[in-house]
Amino acid sequence: MSKAWGWLLSAWILALISTAGALFIGEVLGMTPCLLCWYQRILMFPLAIILGMAAFSEDRRGAVYALPLALGGAVLAGYHTALVAGWVPRWWIPCGTGPSCGDQSLAILGGVQLPWLSLAAFVAVVLLLLIYLRKTRS
């Protein structure tokens, strides 16, 4: 086991916790995700699988494959965060029918909105993967 393995393991655990949290909010709490939340889930859920396989096989390629998903998720979550914060004009909201992407009804930990947590998770995964990839460079 390499010394850099802990960075990859940390990225996997973070993706796993994020995936479990999204499933809990949707399936247990019964909250229907908005369109942007669905897109973020589409990018986060495979990370839990890809990074798990990469961590336990110590395969550097898994981190390389996961990085574009994490970067895409960070961009989407950043846009969603800007939308909820009111930094993006209302006519830029991509949601149609269903829950509004701009009006989040669930805040946890004293007012932290879900898009902010998603942004933090994606950015943290990106940073962990970059550190891992840098430490395992040939």
Protein backbone atom coordinates (compact mmCIF):
# COMPACT_ATOMS: atom_id res chain seq x y z
CA MET A 1 0.00 0.00 0.00
CA SER A 2 1.47 3.34 -1.05
CA LYS A 3 1.66 6.39 1.15
CA ALA A 4 -0.63 8.28 -1.23
CA TRP A 5 -3.40 5.68 -0.88
CA GLY A 6 -4.98 7.61 2.00
CA TRP A 7 -5.81 10.55 -0.29
CA LEU A 8 -7.67 8.27 -2.69
CA LEU A 9 -9.41 6.49 0.17
CA SER A 10 -10.50 9.87 1.59
CA ALA A 11 -11.96 10.92 -1.78
CA TRP A 12 -13.88 7.64 -1.95
CA ILE A 13 -15.25 8.00 1.60
CA LEU A 14 -16.37 11.55 0.84
CA ALA A 15 -18.11 10.45 -2.37
CA LEU A 16 -19.72 7.57 -0.48
CA ILE A 17 -21.02 9.85 2.29
CA SER A 18 -22.32 12.35 -0.30
CA THR A 19 -24.10 9.59 -2.19
CA ALA A 20 -25.63 8.18 1.00
CA GLY A 21 -26.74 11.68 2.04
CA ALA A 22 -28.41 12.35 -1.31
CA LEU A 23 -30.20 9.00 -1.16
CA PHE A 24 -31.31 9.67 2.42
CA ILE A 25 -32.73 13.08 1.52
CA GLY A 26 -34.55 11.70 -1.52
CA GLU A 27 -35.69 8.28 -0.33
CA VAL A 28 -36.10 8.64 3.44
CA LEU A 29 -37.07 12.30 3.75
CA GLY A 30 -39.07 12.09 0.52
CA MET A 31 -37.74 15.30 -0.99
CA THR A 32 -37.82 15.32 -4.78
CA PRO A 33 -34.56 16.70 -6.19
CA CYS A 34 -34.60 19.61 -8.60
CA LEU A 35 -33.10 19.27 -12.09
CA LEU A 36 -29.68 20.59 -11.08
CA CYS A 37 -29.63 18.25 -8.08
CA TRP A 38 -30.32 15.33 -10.42
CA TYR A 39 -27.39 16.33 -12.62
CA GLN A 40 -25.13 16.59 -9.58
CA ARG A 41 -26.27 13.13 -8.46
CA ILE A 42 -25.50 11.78 -11.93
CA LEU A 43 -21.92 12.97 -11.45
CA MET A 44 -21.51 12.01 -7.75
CA PHE A 45 -22.98 8.50 -7.69
CA PRO A 46 -20.44 6.99 -10.13
CA LEU A 47 -17.63 8.55 -8.08
CA ALA A 48 -18.61 6.34 -5.15
CA ILE A 49 -18.16 3.27 -7.35
CA ILE A 50 -15.13 4.33 -9.41
CA LEU A 51 -13.15 5.66 -6.44
CA GLY A 52 -14.01 2.60 -4.34
CA MET A 53 -12.67 0.28 -7.02
CA ALA A 54 -9.61 2.47 -7.52
CA ALA A 55 -8.87 2.68 -3.79
CA PHE A 56 -9.08 -1.03 -3.13
CA SER A 57 -7.16 -2.06 -6.23
CA GLU A 58 -4.70 0.83 -5.87
CA ASP A 59 -5.32 1.71 -9.51
CA ARG A 60 -4.24 5.25 -10.36
CA ARG A 61 -6.37 5.21 -13.51
CA GLY A 62 -9.54 5.27 -11.39
CA ALA A 63 -8.55 8.68 -10.05
CA VAL A 64 -7.82 9.88 -13.59
CA TYR A 65 -11.26 8.69 -14.74
CA ALA A 66 -13.00 10.19 -11.71
CA LEU A 67 -11.45 13.65 -12.00
CA PRO A 68 -13.62 14.87 -14.94
CA LEU A 69 -16.77 13.75 -13.11
CA ALA A 70 -15.72 15.61 -9.98
CA LEU A 71 -14.79 18.75 -11.95
CA GLY A 72 -18.12 18.68 -13.80
CA GLY A 73 -19.95 18.27 -10.51
CA ALA A 74 -18.05 21.20 -9.01
CA VAL A 75 -19.05 23.41 -11.95
CA LEU A 76 -22.71 22.38 -11.69
CA ALA A 77 -22.76 22.75 -7.91
CA GLY A 78 -21.07 26.15 -8.24
CA TYR A 79 -23.75 27.31 -10.65
CA HIS A 80 -26.47 25.92 -8.38
CA THR A 81 -24.93 27.68 -5.38
CA ALA A 82 -24.85 30.97 -7.31
CA LEU A 83 -28.48 30.44 -8.29
CA VAL A 84 -29.62 29.84 -4.70
CA ALA A 85 -27.55 32.80 -3.46
CA GLY A 86 -29.22 35.07 -6.02
CA TRP A 87 -26.03 35.82 -7.96
CA VAL A 88 -27.52 34.46 -11.18
CA PRO A 89 -30.56 36.10 -12.81
CA ARG A 90 -33.84 34.21 -12.36
CA TRP A 91 -34.28 33.78 -16.11
CA TRP A 92 -31.16 31.55 -16.12
CA ILE A 93 -32.90 28.90 -14.02
CA PRO A 94 -32.92 25.67 -16.07
CA CYS A 95 -35.71 23.96 -14.12
CA GLY A 96 -39.09 23.41 -15.69
CA THR A 97 -41.77 21.46 -13.88
CA GLY A 98 -40.94 20.03 -10.49
CA PRO A 99 -39.03 21.55 -7.60
CA SER A 100 -37.41 24.92 -8.19
CA CYS A 101 -33.63 25.01 -8.55
CA GLY A 102 -33.51 28.54 -7.16
CA ASP A 103 -35.64 28.08 -4.05
CA GLN A 104 -34.18 25.43 -1.78
CA SER A 105 -36.46 24.35 1.05
CA LEU A 106 -33.96 22.26 3.03
CA ALA A 107 -31.20 23.85 5.06
CA ILE A 108 -29.14 21.93 7.58
CA LEU A 109 -26.48 22.73 10.17
CA GLY A 110 -27.82 26.18 10.92
CA GLY A 111 -28.84 27.33 7.46
CA VAL A 112 -26.39 25.59 5.11
CA GLN A 113 -28.11 25.00 1.78
CA LEU A 114 -27.73 21.66 -0.01
CA PRO A 115 -26.04 23.13 -3.12
CA TRP A 116 -23.34 24.57 -0.85
CA LEU A 117 -22.72 21.12 0.64
CA SER A 118 -22.60 19.62 -2.84
CA LEU A 119 -20.10 22.25 -3.95
CA ALA A 120 -17.93 21.60 -0.90
CA ALA A 121 -18.03 17.84 -1.51
CA PHE A 122 -17.11 18.09 -5.20
CA VAL A 123 -14.32 20.60 -4.56
CA ALA A 124 -12.92 18.44 -1.77
CA VAL A 125 -12.98 15.35 -4.01
CA VAL A 126 -11.20 17.29 -6.76
CA LEU A 127 -8.51 18.48 -4.34
CA LEU A 128 -8.02 15.00 -2.86
CA LEU A 129 -7.71 13.49 -6.33
CA LEU A 130 -5.23 16.14 -7.46
CA ILE A 131 -3.09 15.52 -4.38
CA TYR A 132 -3.25 11.76 -4.95
CA LEU A 133 -2.37 12.07 -8.62
CA ARG A 134 0.52 14.40 -7.87
CA LYS A 135 1.94 12.04 -5.23
CA THR A 136 1.67 9.02 -7.53
CA ARG A 137 3.14 10.67 -10.61
CA SER A 138 5.69 8.40 -12.27
